[in-house]
């Protein structure tokens, strides 16, 4: 077994006791509807706090390994189910809005490791796009940036990591009632308007009961200490499907749930 693959397997085995691998197998995701959650959001752009709405859409899809996308042919014998999480929002600024769209994919029976990610940011200067795929041996990131000295290219990313962008989904599958605490490597957010190589954190994760004043309903509070003075906090509902109720991050990407509903899945 290649060293990188062995390291990935070791990390997932280590994390196994802290997560419920069957979390996404619940029949809730069989109703052909999508979970649509709308948040009051804040983000620091151009050194100012900007306020807007952010939408997260979570749904089950059937993937074809031939193209690694949702299939149009459900008679195929090689399909496998994934849960897709799409995050979309536009940030108003003094001059030009900045648009974000990110889709993350997880094998339905593996809620912890990221399977695929695509993310794009459009602003007044141009578009930056990144795609991350897990080929079983490594994560490969393909990027295309409008910035000088970046341009288009590809790079290998560490395989034995969790992704900061995936935490609002991955952490939903924690075995909260056991109050787990553990360390794990985390790849920093890729939702940026540049294509610099990512930072990696030796993060500390800890679960506690949320305070009554923190959320509108009972919640688990998950602290992810990425580094000194870099701490993210996530609150998840205590009842399944453990919806993200609130998020605060060290760099000001904050979410507070406004509403949630189940709606027909988006179609091409």
Protein backbone atom coordinates (compact mmCIF):
# COMPACT_ATOMS: atom_id res chain seq x y z
CA UNK A 1 0.00 0.00 0.00
CA UNK A 2 1.41 3.46 -0.92
CA UNK A 3 2.50 5.53 2.07
CA UNK A 4 -0.14 8.22 1.40
CA UNK A 5 -2.96 5.69 1.15
CA UNK A 6 -1.81 3.97 4.34
CA UNK A 7 -1.77 7.31 6.17
CA UNK A 8 -5.33 8.05 4.99
CA UNK A 9 -6.57 4.63 6.13
CA UNK A 10 -4.87 5.10 9.50
CA UNK A 11 -6.51 8.48 10.06
CA UNK A 12 -10.00 7.27 9.10
CA UNK A 13 -9.61 4.28 11.41
CA UNK A 14 -8.54 6.61 14.20
CA UNK A 15 -11.56 8.85 13.63
CA UNK A 16 -14.00 5.93 13.35
CA UNK A 17 -15.11 5.87 17.01
CA UNK A 18 -16.03 9.56 16.92
CA UNK A 19 -18.36 9.47 13.90
CA UNK A 20 -21.47 7.51 12.91
CA UNK A 21 -20.66 5.99 9.51
CA UNK A 22 -24.39 5.24 9.02
CA UNK A 23 -25.50 8.81 9.63
CA UNK A 24 -26.46 9.48 5.99
CA UNK A 25 -28.20 6.12 5.54
CA UNK A 26 -31.33 7.41 7.30
CA UNK A 27 -34.52 7.09 5.23
CA UNK A 28 -34.99 10.87 5.42
CA UNK A 29 -32.74 11.19 2.38
CA UNK A 30 -34.92 8.78 0.34
CA UNK A 31 -37.87 11.15 -0.09
CA UNK A 32 -36.53 12.70 -3.34
CA UNK A 33 -36.48 16.10 -1.66
CA UNK A 34 -33.64 18.42 -0.73
CA UNK A 35 -32.96 19.99 2.64
CA UNK A 36 -32.85 23.74 2.05
CA UNK A 37 -31.41 25.80 4.90
CA UNK A 38 -31.21 29.59 4.73
CA UNK A 39 -28.86 31.51 7.01
CA UNK A 40 -28.28 35.09 8.00
CA UNK A 41 -24.61 35.40 7.12
CA UNK A 42 -21.66 37.67 7.72
CA UNK A 43 -18.27 37.73 6.01
CA UNK A 44 -15.37 40.15 6.05
CA UNK A 45 -14.69 41.44 2.53
CA UNK A 46 -12.42 44.42 1.80
CA UNK A 47 -11.87 44.81 5.56
CA UNK A 48 -15.56 45.37 6.26
CA UNK A 49 -18.27 43.09 7.67
CA UNK A 50 -20.81 42.34 4.93
CA UNK A 51 -24.27 40.92 5.69
CA UNK A 52 -26.33 38.75 3.34
CA UNK A 53 -28.26 35.47 3.10
CA UNK A 54 -26.55 32.14 2.46
CA UNK A 55 -28.31 28.95 1.29
CA UNK A 56 -27.15 25.38 1.92
CA UNK A 57 -28.87 22.62 -0.09
CA UNK A 58 -28.30 18.99 0.92
CA UNK A 59 -29.67 16.11 -1.16
CA UNK A 60 -29.02 12.52 -2.22
CA UNK A 61 -27.84 11.83 -5.76
CA UNK A 62 -26.77 8.78 -7.76
CA UNK A 63 -23.28 9.11 -9.18
CA UNK A 64 -21.77 7.46 -12.22
CA UNK A 65 -18.07 6.57 -11.90
CA UNK A 66 -17.62 7.06 -15.64
CA UNK A 67 -17.89 10.83 -15.37
CA UNK A 68 -17.96 11.23 -11.57
CA UNK A 69 -21.20 13.23 -11.73
CA UNK A 70 -24.93 12.70 -11.18
CA UNK A 71 -26.28 10.17 -13.67
CA UNK A 72 -29.08 10.58 -16.18
CA UNK A 73 -29.24 6.81 -16.70
CA UNK A 74 -30.62 5.07 -13.63
CA UNK A 75 -30.50 1.68 -15.36
CA UNK A 76 -26.71 1.63 -15.06
CA UNK A 77 -25.33 -1.09 -12.78
CA UNK A 78 -22.32 0.85 -11.51
CA UNK A 79 -24.07 3.74 -9.77
CA UNK A 80 -23.39 4.68 -6.16
CA UNK A 81 -25.20 7.14 -3.87
CA UNK A 82 -23.71 10.39 -2.61
CA UNK A 83 -24.94 13.28 -0.53
CA UNK A 84 -24.33 16.64 -2.17
CA UNK A 85 -24.09 19.89 -0.25
CA UNK A 86 -24.33 23.11 -2.28
CA UNK A 87 -23.51 26.44 -0.65
CA UNK A 88 -24.44 29.59 -2.55
CA UNK A 89 -24.41 33.27 -1.70
CA UNK A 90 -23.56 36.75 -2.97
CA UNK A 91 -21.69 39.29 -0.89
CA UNK A 92 -22.55 42.95 -1.50
CA UNK A 93 -19.61 45.37 -1.53
CA UNK A 94 -19.26 49.10 -2.10
CA UNK A 95 -18.52 48.60 -5.80
CA UNK A 96 -19.15 45.09 -7.16
CA UNK A 97 -20.85 42.04 -5.63
CA UNK A 98 -18.83 38.88 -5.03
CA UNK A 99 -20.53 35.56 -5.85
CA UNK A 100 -19.72 32.19 -4.27
CA UNK A 101 -20.91 28.71 -5.27
CA UNK A 102 -19.48 25.54 -3.77
CA UNK A 103 -20.65 21.93 -4.13
CA UNK A 104 -19.30 19.16 -1.92
CA UNK A 105 -19.94 15.45 -2.41
CA UNK A 106 -19.65 12.59 0.07
CA UNK A 107 -20.23 8.90 -0.48
CA UNK A 108 -23.42 8.16 1.37
CA UNK A 109 -21.81 5.45 3.51
CA UNK A 110 -18.75 7.62 4.23
CA UNK A 111 -19.84 10.95 5.77
CA UNK A 112 -16.35 11.85 7.00
CA UNK A 113 -13.98 11.95 3.99
CA UNK A 114 -14.65 14.41 1.19
CA UNK A 115 -15.21 12.69 -2.16
CA UNK A 116 -15.37 15.69 -4.49
CA UNK A 117 -15.51 19.49 -4.28
CA UNK A 118 -16.02 22.25 -6.83
CA UNK A 119 -15.92 25.91 -5.89
CA UNK A 120 -15.98 29.19 -7.81
CA UNK A 121 -15.76 32.84 -6.86
CA UNK A 122 -16.72 35.65 -9.23
CA UNK A 123 -15.95 39.28 -8.52
CA UNK A 124 -15.36 42.47 -10.47
CA UNK A 125 -11.88 41.31 -11.53
CA UNK A 126 -12.69 37.82 -12.77
CA UNK A 127 -13.42 34.22 -11.83
CA UNK A 128 -11.44 31.71 -9.79
CA UNK A 129 -12.41 28.04 -10.01
CA UNK A 130 -11.13 24.98 -8.15
CA UNK A 131 -12.09 21.29 -8.33
CA UNK A 132 -10.88 18.64 -5.90
CA UNK A 133 -11.30 14.93 -6.60
CA UNK A 134 -10.34 11.87 -4.56
CA UNK A 135 -8.97 9.20 -6.89
CA UNK A 136 -8.50 6.73 -4.03
CA UNK A 137 -4.80 7.48 -3.68
CA UNK A 138 -4.73 11.24 -3.37
CA UNK A 139 -6.70 14.46 -3.60
CA UNK A 140 -5.99 16.25 -6.87
CA UNK A 141 -6.89 19.93 -7.11
CA UNK A 142 -7.32 21.55 -10.51
CA UNK A 143 -7.52 25.33 -10.46
CA UNK A 144 -7.97 28.30 -12.78
CA UNK A 145 -7.33 31.78 -11.38
CA UNK A 146 -7.37 35.21 -12.99
CA UNK A 147 -4.47 36.28 -10.77
CA UNK A 148 -0.94 36.85 -12.02
CA UNK A 149 1.62 34.16 -11.11
CA UNK A 150 -1.25 31.70 -10.48
CA UNK A 151 -3.21 31.11 -13.68
CA UNK A 152 -4.25 27.51 -14.37
CA UNK A 153 -2.68 24.35 -12.96
CA UNK A 154 -3.04 21.36 -10.72
CA UNK A 155 -1.58 20.13 -7.48
CA UNK A 156 -1.75 17.17 -5.13
CA UNK A 157 -3.30 17.82 -1.73
CA UNK A 158 -2.78 15.85 1.44
CA UNK A 159 -5.05 12.82 1.59
CA UNK A 160 -5.31 12.22 5.33
CA UNK A 161 -7.21 15.44 6.10
CA UNK A 162 -10.65 16.84 6.70
CA UNK A 163 -11.62 19.97 4.78
CA UNK A 164 -12.69 23.14 6.58
CA UNK A 165 -15.29 23.74 3.86
CA UNK A 166 -16.82 20.32 4.58
CA UNK A 167 -17.10 20.66 8.37
CA UNK A 168 -20.72 21.95 8.37
CA UNK A 169 -21.65 18.56 6.87
CA UNK A 170 -19.00 16.18 8.22
CA UNK A 171 -19.48 17.22 11.83
CA UNK A 172 -23.20 16.43 11.64
CA UNK A 173 -22.26 12.75 11.81
CA UNK A 174 -20.39 13.04 15.11
CA UNK A 175 -21.40 10.76 17.96
CA UNK A 176 -22.26 13.86 19.96
CA UNK A 177 -23.60 12.14 23.07
CA UNK A 178 -20.18 10.61 23.70
CA UNK A 179 -18.67 14.13 23.88
CA UNK A 180 -15.72 13.21 21.66
CA UNK A 181 -12.45 15.14 21.68
CA UNK A 182 -9.72 14.41 19.17
CA UNK A 183 -7.03 15.87 16.93
CA UNK A 184 -7.12 15.84 13.12
CA UNK A 185 -5.43 17.61 10.21
CA UNK A 186 -7.69 20.15 8.47
CA UNK A 187 -7.19 21.71 5.04
CA UNK A 188 -8.09 25.42 5.15
CA UNK A 189 -11.03 26.80 3.16
CA UNK A 190 -10.70 26.74 -0.63
CA UNK A 191 -13.58 29.23 -1.05
CA UNK A 192 -11.28 32.11 -1.98
CA UNK A 193 -10.73 34.35 -4.99
CA UNK A 194 -7.16 33.15 -5.46
CA UNK A 195 -5.49 29.79 -6.11
CA UNK A 196 -2.68 29.79 -3.61
CA UNK A 197 -1.74 26.38 -2.12
CA UNK A 198 -3.85 25.65 0.95
CA UNK A 199 -2.80 25.94 4.56
CA UNK A 200 -3.08 22.89 6.81
CA UNK A 201 -3.92 22.93 10.50
CA UNK A 202 -3.26 20.46 13.29
CA UNK A 203 -6.76 20.97 14.69
CA UNK A 204 -8.29 20.03 18.03
CA UNK A 205 -12.00 19.12 17.96
CA UNK A 206 -14.18 19.03 21.07
CA UNK A 207 -17.93 18.49 21.61
CA UNK A 208 -19.93 20.03 24.46
CA UNK A 209 -23.51 20.92 25.25
CA UNK A 210 -24.51 24.24 23.75
CA UNK A 211 -25.66 27.05 26.01
CA UNK A 212 -29.37 27.85 25.94
CA UNK A 213 -28.64 31.43 24.91
CA UNK A 214 -26.54 30.38 21.90
CA UNK A 215 -29.26 28.91 19.68
CA UNK A 216 -33.02 28.84 19.24
CA UNK A 217 -33.18 25.12 20.06
CA UNK A 218 -31.09 22.62 22.04
CA UNK A 219 -27.74 22.15 20.36
CA UNK A 220 -24.38 20.46 20.47
CA UNK A 221 -21.44 22.88 20.43
CA UNK A 222 -18.42 21.73 18.41
CA UNK A 223 -15.21 23.70 18.80
CA UNK A 224 -12.51 23.30 16.14
CA UNK A 225 -9.29 24.94 17.32
CA UNK A 226 -7.27 25.24 14.12
CA UNK A 227 -4.30 27.15 15.53
CA UNK A 228 -3.48 29.85 18.04
CA UNK A 229 -6.25 32.49 17.82
CA UNK A 230 -7.91 30.58 15.01
CA UNK A 231 -11.02 28.86 16.38
CA UNK A 232 -14.22 27.89 14.59
CA UNK A 233 -17.38 26.97 16.49
CA UNK A 234 -20.35 25.04 15.08
CA UNK A 235 -23.73 24.42 16.74
CA UNK A 236 -25.81 21.42 15.55
CA UNK A 237 -29.36 20.49 16.47
CA UNK A 238 -29.66 17.66 18.98
CA UNK A 239 -32.33 15.92 16.93
CA UNK A 240 -31.61 14.16 13.63
CA UNK A 241 -30.66 15.34 11.04
CA UNK A 242 -28.49 17.49 13.34
CA UNK A 243 -28.88 20.59 11.22
CA UNK A 244 -26.23 23.31 11.43
CA UNK A 245 -27.88 26.01 13.54
CA UNK A 246 -25.02 28.45 13.82
CA UNK A 247 -21.39 28.92 12.85
CA UNK A 248 -18.68 31.37 13.85
CA UNK A 249 -15.17 31.29 12.39
CA UNK A 250 -11.94 32.97 13.34
CA UNK A 251 -11.99 35.06 10.14
CA UNK A 252 -15.59 36.24 10.41
CA UNK A 253 -17.56 33.78 8.22
CA UNK A 254 -20.63 33.56 10.44
CA UNK A 255 -23.98 31.83 9.91
CA UNK A 256 -27.23 31.83 11.91
CA UNK A 257 -30.13 29.66 10.74
CA UNK A 258 -33.20 31.60 9.57
CA UNK A 259 -35.35 28.84 8.07
CA UNK A 260 -35.29 25.29 6.77
CA UNK A 261 -37.58 23.28 4.51
CA UNK A 262 -37.63 20.20 2.32
CA UNK A 263 -38.19 21.08 -1.32
CA UNK A 264 -37.93 19.43 -4.75
CA UNK A 265 -34.30 18.80 -5.70
CA UNK A 266 -32.79 21.33 -8.13
CA UNK A 267 -32.65 20.06 -11.71
CA UNK A 268 -30.28 20.98 -14.57
